[in-house]
Amino acid sequence: MSDLFATQAMLDALGQAVLLFTSDNRLLRHNTMAAALFGADLHAIRSEGWAVASQLLQVGIGDTTFTLDDVRRQALASDRPVRFHAVRNGEYLPCWMGTVTDVNSAVHTLISIEMPDWGVVGRVLAATISEMHQTIDSTVGHLNLIQRTLNPDKENPEAVKIARRISGFTRLISIHMKRTDRLLHMVERLEALRTGKLRRQAQLQKQKINLNDLIEDFIETLDEQELLDPETEAQDLRARISVELEGTLLVQGLAKPIRDTLRELVRNAMMYSLRGTPITIKAFARGQMAQLEVIDQGYGIRENDWERVFALYERGRQPQIISEFGYGMALHICLQELATINGKLWFSSDEGVGTTFSVMLPLWQ
């Protein structure tokens, strides 16, 4: 057995994904776990080398100024491997980077990416989230019961005053419970990304989805969904939306991330535009892809806020945006979820004119 084959066989036997780059940034070697982790993107790494790997492994979690090049500089200056963490399509990955010197004294960079077992963490989180959902549902149910039973004697001003005060308290608690429930749903989605659960679902449960039906079902159930924040004034949501579908669009992926993304985009379009202004949902084929657009005539996004749009826990700083309640998580999660099912999300916007969010999904082959 040749030394070359022996080296590759040992790499393929490892439980970590391994990428080995030359000093001139070419991919010299990878193993089977790397092929499983990167999938079709491995072809781009083979072709373009280090630059593509640096884009696919988002090292600066919460700090976009820190890159894979910074980790490499640390590794070259150290006699030990350097520990770092990366995010790929929302999945949290513990990594190591070290250097390898060959017989010709050329220094190569080796990245090993751990494939962690999140089973225990996932079970604890699932149990906690389930318990929290039950607590919230129970609390909201009791609050609604209190509201229905408040019927003071109108001839007793003191009783009316107390009833009004209790009603105010129950409404406030109900608002916080519903906001907490929304936060828990986002934590569930983030947990599915960070632990690789969504990636595994995308690999094992790829579905043929009729995008037309998905959009129409969303519109039909719009009035049943608590789409906007509970403090937002009630309005006829369906009356604001028009739908333009070009042909029957069959896409591949998972229905839930697509539906969740559509809900978040429509929610944002309604929140960040004047009440009654129209919102348009379009879907059409574009080559081998389907494009879905949510178009509003709202406040638009300031150019100096563009980099915050998909950043986790970031929100625009325009007064109209800050005045609406939000966590700064939804669009970041949507971007990562769509990437996991080979989709894309981007936007174009003019301040004071409106915003278009676009989703690209592969057509069913």
Protein backbone atom coordinates (compact mmCIF):
# COMPACT_ATOMS: atom_id res chain seq x y z
CA MET A 1 0.00 0.00 0.00
CA SER A 2 1.47 3.35 -1.05
CA ASP A 3 2.09 6.14 1.47
CA LEU A 4 -0.42 8.28 -0.42
CA PHE A 5 -3.15 5.66 -0.12
CA ALA A 6 -2.29 5.00 3.52
CA THR A 7 -2.61 8.71 4.34
CA GLN A 8 -5.99 8.99 2.60
CA ALA A 9 -7.25 5.80 4.25
CA MET A 10 -6.33 7.19 7.68
CA LEU A 11 -8.08 10.49 6.94
CA ASP A 12 -11.22 8.67 5.79
CA ALA A 13 -11.24 6.63 9.01
CA LEU A 14 -11.46 9.78 11.17
CA GLY A 15 -14.73 10.92 12.71
CA GLN A 16 -13.90 14.58 11.97
CA ALA A 17 -14.11 16.39 8.65
CA VAL A 18 -10.61 17.25 7.45
CA LEU A 19 -9.46 19.84 4.90
CA LEU A 20 -5.75 20.25 4.06
CA PHE A 21 -4.68 23.40 2.19
CA THR A 22 -1.35 24.22 0.58
CA SER A 23 0.51 27.45 1.29
CA ASP A 24 -0.87 28.85 -2.00
CA ASN A 25 -4.47 28.15 -0.82
CA ARG A 26 -5.27 25.05 -2.90
CA LEU A 27 -7.21 22.16 -1.38
CA LEU A 28 -4.65 19.36 -1.23
CA ARG A 29 -6.63 16.69 0.59
CA HIS A 30 -10.02 16.06 2.19
CA ASN A 31 -11.75 13.04 3.72
CA THR A 32 -15.16 11.40 3.44
CA MET A 33 -16.54 13.27 6.47
CA ALA A 34 -15.67 16.58 4.76
CA ALA A 35 -17.55 15.41 1.66
CA ALA A 36 -20.58 14.58 3.84
CA LEU A 37 -20.44 17.96 5.62
CA PHE A 38 -19.94 20.21 2.59
CA GLY A 39 -21.84 18.19 -0.04
CA ALA A 40 -21.93 19.93 -3.41
CA ASP A 41 -20.00 22.90 -1.96
CA LEU A 42 -16.90 20.71 -1.85
CA HIS A 43 -16.63 21.11 -5.64
CA ALA A 44 -16.33 24.88 -5.14
CA ILE A 45 -13.66 24.39 -2.46
CA ARG A 46 -11.72 22.12 -4.82
CA SER A 47 -11.98 24.72 -7.56
CA GLU A 48 -11.41 27.96 -5.62
CA GLY A 49 -9.61 26.69 -2.51
CA TRP A 50 -9.22 28.62 0.72
CA ALA A 51 -11.33 31.64 -0.32
CA VAL A 52 -14.49 29.55 -0.68
CA ALA A 53 -13.82 27.60 2.53
CA SER A 54 -13.50 30.91 4.36
CA GLN A 55 -16.93 31.95 3.07
CA LEU A 56 -18.59 28.63 3.92
CA LEU A 57 -17.20 28.51 7.47
CA GLN A 58 -18.42 31.67 9.20
CA VAL A 59 -15.85 32.03 11.96
CA GLY A 60 -16.74 35.45 13.33
CA ILE A 61 -19.82 34.46 15.33
CA GLY A 62 -21.19 37.84 16.33
CA ASP A 63 -17.99 39.49 15.05
CA THR A 64 -17.84 39.82 11.26
CA THR A 65 -14.33 41.30 11.43
CA PHE A 66 -12.81 38.00 12.64
CA THR A 67 -12.20 35.56 9.77
CA LEU A 68 -10.65 32.20 8.95
CA ASP A 69 -7.52 34.10 7.87
CA ASP A 70 -7.16 35.41 11.43
CA VAL A 71 -7.32 31.84 12.76
CA ARG A 72 -4.70 30.80 10.20
CA ARG A 73 -2.33 33.54 11.34
CA GLN A 74 -2.73 32.32 14.92
CA ALA A 75 -2.02 28.73 13.86
CA LEU A 76 1.10 29.70 11.91
CA ALA A 77 2.42 31.58 14.93
CA SER A 78 1.73 28.70 17.36
CA ASP A 79 3.37 25.33 17.88
CA ARG A 80 0.00 23.83 18.85
CA PRO A 81 -3.35 23.55 17.06
CA VAL A 82 -5.67 26.52 17.52
CA ARG A 83 -9.22 25.99 18.75
CA PHE A 84 -12.04 27.94 17.09
CA HIS A 85 -15.74 27.64 16.31
CA ALA A 86 -17.51 28.07 13.01
CA VAL A 87 -21.06 28.16 11.72
CA ARG A 88 -22.05 26.52 8.44
CA ASN A 89 -25.67 27.04 7.35
CA GLY A 90 -26.52 27.80 10.96
CA GLU A 91 -24.90 24.63 12.34
CA TYR A 92 -22.48 25.22 15.23
CA LEU A 93 -19.18 23.39 14.63
CA PRO A 94 -16.20 23.09 17.02
CA CYS A 95 -12.97 23.17 14.96
CA TRP A 96 -9.19 22.95 15.19
CA MET A 97 -6.56 24.42 12.89
CA GLY A 98 -2.91 23.40 12.78
CA THR A 99 0.04 23.36 10.41
CA VAL A 100 1.74 20.43 8.67
CA THR A 101 5.24 20.64 7.14
CA ASP A 102 6.02 18.24 4.29
CA VAL A 103 9.39 16.76 3.20
CA ASN A 104 10.03 19.81 1.02
CA SER A 105 9.56 22.14 4.03
CA ALA A 106 6.32 23.51 2.60
CA VAL A 107 3.85 24.50 5.34
CA HIS A 108 0.26 23.37 4.85
CA THR A 109 -2.84 24.32 6.85
CA LEU A 110 -5.04 21.54 8.25
CA ILE A 111 -8.58 22.20 9.45
CA SER A 112 -10.40 19.51 11.41
CA ILE A 113 -14.11 20.01 12.02
CA GLU A 114 -15.82 18.02 14.76
CA MET A 115 -19.20 16.44 14.11
CA PRO A 116 -20.61 16.76 17.66
CA ASP A 117 -23.34 14.57 19.10
CA TRP A 118 -26.03 16.99 20.26
CA GLY A 119 -28.39 14.22 21.36
CA VAL A 120 -28.36 14.95 25.11
CA VAL A 121 -28.50 18.73 24.61
CA GLY A 122 -31.34 18.30 22.12
CA ARG A 123 -33.38 16.16 24.51
CA VAL A 124 -32.92 18.61 27.40
CA LEU A 125 -33.85 21.56 25.18
CA ALA A 126 -36.86 19.73 23.73
CA ALA A 127 -38.16 18.87 27.21
CA THR A 128 -37.60 22.43 28.46
CA ILE A 129 -39.25 24.04 25.44
CA SER A 130 -42.21 21.66 25.62
CA GLU A 131 -42.71 22.45 29.31
CA MET A 132 -42.49 26.19 28.60
CA HIS A 133 -45.06 25.95 25.79
CA GLN A 134 -47.47 24.11 28.12
CA THR A 135 -46.96 26.73 30.83
CA ILE A 136 -47.59 29.57 28.39
CA ASP A 137 -50.73 27.92 26.95
CA SER A 138 -52.06 27.29 30.46
CA THR A 139 -51.32 30.85 31.60
CA VAL A 140 -52.96 32.40 28.52
CA GLY A 141 -55.99 30.12 29.01
CA HIS A 142 -56.40 31.25 32.61
CA LEU A 143 -55.99 34.90 31.59
CA ASN A 144 -58.73 34.54 28.99
CA LEU A 145 -60.98 32.94 31.61
CA ILE A 146 -60.37 35.85 34.00
CA GLN A 147 -61.18 38.33 31.23
CA ARG A 148 -64.47 36.57 30.43
CA THR A 149 -65.58 36.43 34.06
CA LEU A 150 -64.88 40.10 34.79
CA ASN A 151 -68.40 41.51 34.98
CA PRO A 152 -68.53 44.12 37.76
CA ASP A 153 -71.63 45.78 39.12
CA LYS A 154 -71.82 48.97 37.04
CA GLU A 155 -73.44 50.75 39.94
CA ASN A 156 -70.33 50.21 42.05
CA PRO A 157 -67.64 52.58 40.70
CA GLU A 158 -64.96 50.97 42.86
CA ALA A 159 -65.73 47.51 41.45
CA VAL A 160 -65.61 48.87 37.89
CA LYS A 161 -62.25 50.49 38.59
CA ILE A 162 -60.80 47.26 40.04
CA ALA A 163 -62.17 45.22 37.12
CA ARG A 164 -60.60 47.64 34.63
CA ARG A 165 -57.27 47.43 36.45
CA ILE A 166 -57.36 43.63 36.53
CA SER A 167 -58.24 43.58 32.85
CA GLY A 168 -55.20 45.75 32.09
CA PHE A 169 -52.92 43.45 34.08
CA THR A 170 -54.22 40.30 32.39
CA ARG A 171 -53.77 41.86 28.93
CA LEU A 172 -50.19 42.86 29.76
CA ILE A 173 -49.37 39.35 31.03
CA SER A 174 -51.00 37.85 27.93
CA ILE A 175 -48.85 40.03 25.64
CA HIS A 176 -45.65 38.91 27.39
CA MET A 177 -46.73 35.26 27.26
CA LYS A 178 -47.38 35.43 23.51
CA ARG A 179 -44.04 37.16 22.91
CA THR A 180 -42.29 34.51 24.98
CA ASP A 181 -44.03 31.80 22.98
CA ARG A 182 -42.76 33.36 19.75
CA LEU A 183 -39.25 33.50 21.20
CA LEU A 184 -39.45 29.81 22.12
CA HIS A 185 -40.45 28.91 18.55
CA MET A 186 -37.38 30.78 17.28
CA VAL A 187 -35.17 29.02 19.85
CA GLU A 188 -36.52 25.67 18.55
CA ARG A 189 -35.60 26.63 15.00
CA LEU A 190 -32.17 27.89 16.07
CA GLU A 191 -31.56 24.66 18.01
CA ALA A 192 -32.45 22.60 14.92
CA LEU A 193 -29.87 24.58 12.96
CA ARG A 194 -27.08 24.68 15.54
CA THR A 195 -27.24 20.96 16.30
CA GLY A 196 -27.48 19.82 12.67
CA LYS A 197 -31.02 18.44 13.14
CA LEU A 198 -32.37 20.42 10.18
CA ARG A 199 -29.44 19.35 7.96
CA ARG A 200 -30.15 15.69 8.72
CA GLN A 201 -33.86 16.20 7.99
CA ALA A 202 -32.99 17.87 4.68
CA GLN A 203 -30.82 14.89 3.73
CA LEU A 204 -33.30 12.19 4.77
CA GLN A 205 -36.70 13.76 4.16
CA LYS A 206 -36.35 15.79 0.97
CA GLN A 207 -39.85 16.55 -0.27
CA LYS A 208 -41.57 17.58 -3.51
CA ILE A 209 -43.48 20.73 -2.56
CA ASN A 210 -46.15 22.46 -4.60
CA LEU A 211 -45.18 26.09 -3.95
CA ASN A 212 -48.51 27.37 -5.31
CA ASP A 213 -50.45 25.26 -2.78
CA LEU A 214 -48.15 26.30 0.06
CA ILE A 215 -48.69 30.00 -0.68
CA GLU A 216 -52.45 29.62 -1.12
CA ASP A 217 -52.77 27.64 2.14
CA PHE A 218 -50.79 30.34 3.93
CA ILE A 219 -53.14 33.07 2.65
CA GLU A 220 -56.28 31.07 3.52
CA THR A 221 -55.16 30.59 7.14
CA LEU A 222 -53.76 34.10 7.56
CA ASP A 223 -56.59 35.30 9.80
CA GLU A 224 -56.12 32.27 12.08
CA GLN A 225 -52.43 33.02 12.65
CA GLU A 226 -51.21 35.44 15.29
CA LEU A 227 -48.96 37.03 12.72
CA LEU A 228 -48.36 40.43 14.29
CA ASP A 229 -47.30 41.41 17.78
CA PRO A 230 -50.29 41.32 20.20
CA GLU A 231 -49.90 45.06 20.88
CA THR A 232 -50.41 45.84 17.18
CA GLU A 233 -53.84 47.20 16.29
CA ALA A 234 -56.10 44.55 14.71
CA GLN A 235 -56.50 44.78 10.94
CA ASP A 236 -57.68 42.79 7.94
CA LEU A 237 -54.44 41.12 6.88
CA ARG A 238 -55.77 39.23 3.87
CA ALA A 239 -57.16 42.40 2.29
CA ARG A 240 -53.63 43.82 2.03
CA ILE A 241 -52.15 40.88 0.12
CA SER A 242 -52.30 40.11 -3.60
CA VAL A 243 -50.76 36.96 -5.09
CA GLU A 244 -49.23 36.52 -8.55
CA LEU A 245 -48.25 32.94 -9.45
CA GLU A 246 -46.77 32.05 -12.85
CA GLY A 247 -47.49 28.40 -13.64
CA THR A 248 -47.27 25.43 -11.29
CA LEU A 249 -44.03 25.48 -9.31
CA LEU A 250 -42.77 22.23 -7.78
CA VAL A 251 -39.72 22.73 -5.57
CA GLN A 252 -37.59 20.39 -3.50
CA GLY A 253 -36.64 20.79 0.14
CA LEU A 254 -38.62 20.89 3.38
CA ALA A 255 -42.01 22.61 3.61
CA LYS A 256 -41.61 23.97 7.15
CA PRO A 257 -38.59 26.28 6.55
CA ILE A 258 -40.24 27.63 3.38
CA ARG A 259 -43.53 28.26 5.21
CA ASP A 260 -41.73 29.83 8.19
CA THR A 261 -39.76 32.12 5.87
CA LEU A 262 -42.92 33.23 4.03
CA ARG A 263 -44.59 33.98 7.37
CA GLU A 264 -41.63 36.05 8.62
CA LEU A 265 -41.34 38.01 5.36
CA VAL A 266 -45.07 38.83 5.30
CA ARG A 267 -44.95 39.72 9.01
CA ASN A 268 -42.09 42.16 8.39
CA ALA A 269 -43.81 43.64 5.34
CA MET A 270 -46.90 44.37 7.44
CA MET A 271 -45.02 45.64 10.47
CA TYR A 272 -42.76 48.00 8.56
CA SER A 273 -45.32 49.67 6.30
CA LEU A 274 -48.34 51.86 6.88
CA ARG A 275 -51.58 50.08 7.61
CA GLY A 276 -53.51 49.36 4.44
CA THR A 277 -50.60 49.67 1.99
CA PRO A 278 -50.51 46.70 -0.42
CA ILE A 279 -48.21 43.69 -0.16
CA THR A 280 -47.58 41.46 -3.17
CA ILE A 281 -46.43 37.84 -3.15
CA LYS A 282 -44.99 36.66 -6.47
CA ALA A 283 -43.64 33.26 -7.53
CA PHE A 284 -42.19 32.28 -10.89
CA ALA A 285 -39.66 29.93 -12.50
CA ARG A 286 -36.16 31.17 -13.21
CA GLY A 287 -34.11 28.55 -15.02
CA GLN A 288 -33.76 25.51 -12.76
CA MET A 289 -34.93 27.53 -9.75
CA ALA A 290 -38.17 28.99 -8.42
CA GLN A 291 -38.17 32.55 -7.14
CA LEU A 292 -40.57 33.76 -4.45
CA GLU A 293 -40.85 37.48 -3.73
CA VAL A 294 -42.59 39.45 -0.97
CA ILE A 295 -42.91 43.09 -2.04
CA ASP A 296 -44.07 45.94 0.19
CA GLN A 297 -44.46 49.70 -0.18
CA GLY A 298 -43.20 50.38 3.32
CA TYR A 299 -40.53 52.41 5.05
CA GLY A 300 -37.66 50.72 3.24
CA ILE A 301 -34.25 49.98 4.77
CA ARG A 302 -31.53 52.57 5.14
CA GLU A 303 -28.37 51.62 3.28
CA ASN A 304 -26.25 51.87 6.43
CA ASP A 305 -28.58 49.30 8.06
CA TRP A 306 -28.28 46.69 5.29
CA GLU A 307 -25.56 44.70 7.05
CA ARG A 308 -27.81 44.35 10.11
CA VAL A 309 -30.72 42.77 8.22
CA PHE A 310 -29.50 39.15 8.50
CA ALA A 311 -27.28 39.60 11.58
CA LEU A 312 -28.38 37.75 14.72
CA TYR A 313 -29.87 39.99 17.47
CA GLU A 314 -29.53 43.09 15.24
CA ARG A 315 -32.33 45.37 14.08
CA GLY A 316 -32.53 48.48 11.93
CA ARG A 317 -32.25 51.78 13.75
CA GLN A 318 -34.97 53.68 11.93
CA PRO A 319 -37.62 55.04 14.31
CA GLN A 320 -40.43 53.13 12.55
CA ILE A 321 -38.54 49.85 13.01
CA ILE A 322 -37.43 50.39 16.59
CA SER A 323 -41.00 51.29 17.58
CA GLU A 324 -42.14 47.76 16.65
CA PHE A 325 -41.35 44.88 19.01
CA GLY A 326 -38.84 42.31 17.75
CA TYR A 327 -35.97 40.04 18.78
CA GLY A 328 -33.64 40.50 15.79
CA MET A 329 -33.55 36.73 15.11
CA ALA A 330 -36.13 35.84 12.46
CA LEU A 331 -34.37 36.82 9.23
CA HIS A 332 -31.05 35.36 10.39
CA ILE A 333 -32.76 32.04 11.07
CA CYS A 334 -34.61 32.12 7.73
CA LEU A 335 -31.35 32.77 5.84
CA GLN A 336 -29.65 29.78 7.50
CA GLU A 337 -32.64 27.46 7.16
CA LEU A 338 -32.95 28.16 3.44
CA ALA A 339 -29.22 27.59 2.92
CA THR A 340 -29.63 24.18 4.57
CA ILE A 341 -32.20 23.17 1.91
CA ASN A 342 -30.10 24.71 -0.92
CA GLY A 343 -32.13 27.91 -1.05
CA LYS A 344 -31.11 31.58 -0.94
CA LEU A 345 -32.55 34.74 0.60
CA TRP A 346 -31.72 38.35 -0.26
CA PHE A 347 -33.39 41.75 -0.48
CA SER A 348 -33.44 45.05 -2.34
CA SER A 349 -34.76 48.22 -0.74
CA ASP A 350 -35.22 51.96 -1.23
CA GLU A 351 -35.83 54.03 1.87
CA GLY A 352 -39.28 55.56 1.78
CA VAL A 353 -40.30 53.47 -1.25
CA GLY A 354 -40.38 49.85 -0.10
CA THR A 355 -38.54 46.54 0.14
CA THR A 356 -38.52 43.30 -1.84
CA PHE A 357 -37.33 40.10 -0.16
CA SER A 358 -36.54 37.30 -2.61
CA VAL A 359 -36.23 33.56 -2.00
CA MET A 360 -34.64 31.16 -4.49
CA LEU A 361 -35.46 27.43 -4.27
CA PRO A 362 -34.39 24.52 -6.50
CA LEU A 363 -37.12 23.14 -8.72
CA TRP A 364 -38.01 19.48 -8.28
CA GLN A 365 -35.91 17.30 -10.58
